[in-house]
Amino acid sequence: MAIGRVVVAVACALVLTAPNTAAAPVQEEHRPATMTMTYEVGDLAAVVHAPRTLVGARPLILTSDISAQRLVRQGAVVVFVHDRSALPRHRELWRELGSGTGPLAERFAGFARHVVVAEP
């Protein structure tokens, strides 16, 4: 009889201390974590919004439209440029980065093999 009680007590303890193995609820919309960085090169300044983890090639979108943040949640790297007339110069900076050179190479080295510069 005493062994039966011990077995029941051990079984109860195992049930009560076991980790929860229930499946997590499925989320309606997956939103990857994002990061925001800035750069200034001479008279050029921009804010870069990107997924926190860059895996594979990601489209790089240069824009002066702040509402492009939704593209980041879809995996794009978005460079928000305040002066629309400077977009070609920013595009050239990111092309240089793609080859591992230029003034963005040190700060954005992790982006070099993960972005594809979108053509206008």
Protein backbone atom coordinates (compact mmCIF):
# COMPACT_ATOMS: atom_id res chain seq x y z
CA MET A 1 0.00 0.00 0.00
CA ALA A 2 2.85 2.42 0.86
CA ILE A 3 4.47 1.81 -2.52
CA GLY A 4 1.18 2.63 -4.24
CA ARG A 5 1.02 5.98 -2.46
CA VAL A 6 4.63 6.76 -3.39
CA VAL A 7 3.92 5.95 -7.04
CA VAL A 8 0.84 8.20 -7.03
CA ALA A 9 2.81 11.00 -5.33
CA VAL A 10 5.66 10.74 -7.88
CA ALA A 11 3.20 10.68 -10.78
CA CYS A 12 1.44 13.80 -9.43
CA ALA A 13 4.76 15.56 -8.95
CA LEU A 14 5.79 14.76 -12.53
CA VAL A 15 2.52 16.08 -13.92
CA LEU A 16 2.68 19.26 -11.87
CA THR A 17 6.33 20.06 -12.68
CA ALA A 18 6.41 18.99 -16.33
CA PRO A 19 7.01 21.82 -18.84
CA ASN A 20 4.02 23.01 -20.80
CA THR A 21 4.16 21.27 -24.16
CA ALA A 22 1.02 22.80 -25.59
CA ALA A 23 1.52 24.30 -29.03
CA ALA A 24 1.76 28.06 -29.17
CA PRO A 25 -1.17 29.72 -30.92
CA VAL A 26 -0.59 30.49 -34.59
CA GLN A 27 -0.20 34.19 -35.20
CA GLU A 28 -2.25 35.76 -37.95
CA GLU A 29 0.62 37.83 -39.31
CA HIS A 30 4.36 37.20 -38.92
CA ARG A 31 6.31 40.42 -38.41
CA PRO A 32 10.08 40.00 -38.24
CA ALA A 33 11.96 42.20 -35.81
CA THR A 34 13.36 45.33 -37.44
CA MET A 35 16.24 47.68 -36.75
CA THR A 36 16.84 51.32 -37.59
CA MET A 37 20.23 52.88 -38.35
CA THR A 38 21.32 56.22 -39.74
CA TYR A 39 24.21 57.46 -41.80
CA GLU A 40 25.68 60.77 -42.92
CA VAL A 41 28.17 60.96 -45.76
CA GLY A 42 29.09 64.53 -46.60
CA ASP A 43 25.81 66.32 -47.23
CA LEU A 44 23.89 63.04 -47.63
CA ALA A 45 21.86 61.70 -44.71
CA ALA A 46 19.47 58.77 -44.51
CA VAL A 47 17.63 56.47 -42.13
CA VAL A 48 17.91 52.74 -42.87
CA HIS A 49 15.12 50.40 -41.78
CA ALA A 50 15.92 46.70 -42.10
CA PRO A 51 15.00 43.28 -40.76
CA ARG A 52 17.12 42.58 -37.68
CA THR A 53 18.34 39.36 -39.26
CA LEU A 54 19.48 39.46 -42.88
CA VAL A 55 19.34 36.07 -44.55
CA GLY A 56 19.78 35.75 -48.28
CA ALA A 57 19.41 38.62 -50.72
CA ARG A 58 16.97 41.37 -49.74
CA PRO A 59 15.68 44.15 -51.97
CA LEU A 60 17.09 47.57 -51.10
CA ILE A 61 14.54 50.32 -51.68
CA LEU A 62 15.61 53.96 -51.68
CA THR A 63 12.67 56.24 -51.05
CA SER A 64 11.55 59.57 -49.73
CA ASP A 65 8.20 58.06 -48.71
CA ILE A 66 8.15 57.39 -44.96
CA SER A 67 5.21 54.98 -45.33
CA ALA A 68 7.56 52.36 -46.81
CA GLN A 69 7.96 50.85 -43.30
CA ARG A 70 5.53 48.06 -44.23
CA LEU A 71 8.08 46.88 -46.81
CA VAL A 72 10.59 46.29 -44.00
CA ARG A 73 8.13 43.99 -42.26
CA GLN A 74 8.01 42.05 -45.54
CA GLY A 75 11.81 41.64 -45.55
CA ALA A 76 13.07 44.61 -47.60
CA VAL A 77 15.81 47.01 -46.58
CA VAL A 78 14.42 50.55 -46.88
CA VAL A 79 16.61 53.65 -47.02
CA PHE A 80 14.58 56.76 -46.24
CA VAL A 81 16.16 59.80 -47.87
CA HIS A 82 14.90 63.27 -46.91
CA ASP A 83 16.03 64.95 -50.16
CA ARG A 84 14.47 63.21 -53.15
CA SER A 85 16.96 64.84 -55.53
CA ALA A 86 19.78 62.99 -53.71
CA LEU A 87 18.40 59.49 -54.44
CA PRO A 88 20.89 58.76 -57.28
CA ARG A 89 23.84 59.63 -55.01
CA HIS A 90 22.52 57.36 -52.23
CA ARG A 91 21.97 54.58 -54.77
CA GLU A 92 25.65 54.87 -55.77
CA LEU A 93 26.74 54.59 -52.10
CA TRP A 94 24.82 51.31 -51.77
CA ARG A 95 26.23 49.97 -55.06
CA GLU A 96 29.72 50.65 -53.73
CA LEU A 97 28.82 48.86 -50.50
CA GLY A 98 27.72 45.85 -52.57
CA SER A 99 31.30 45.55 -53.82
CA GLY A 100 32.67 46.01 -50.29
CA THR A 101 33.95 49.55 -50.84
CA GLY A 102 32.85 53.11 -50.20
CA PRO A 103 32.02 55.15 -47.13
CA LEU A 104 29.25 52.79 -45.95
CA ALA A 105 31.52 49.73 -45.96
CA GLU A 106 32.53 49.88 -42.30
CA ARG A 107 29.18 50.70 -40.66
CA PHE A 108 27.02 48.55 -42.96
CA ALA A 109 29.45 45.71 -43.73
CA GLY A 110 26.85 43.11 -42.73
CA PHE A 111 24.54 44.38 -45.47
CA ALA A 112 27.06 44.01 -48.33
CA ARG A 113 26.04 40.54 -49.52
CA HIS A 114 22.40 40.78 -48.49
CA VAL A 115 21.01 43.69 -50.46
CA VAL A 116 20.09 44.05 -54.10
CA VAL A 117 19.81 47.69 -55.14
CA ALA A 118 16.43 48.25 -56.81
CA GLU A 119 16.65 50.22 -60.02
CA PRO A 120 14.24 53.13 -60.53
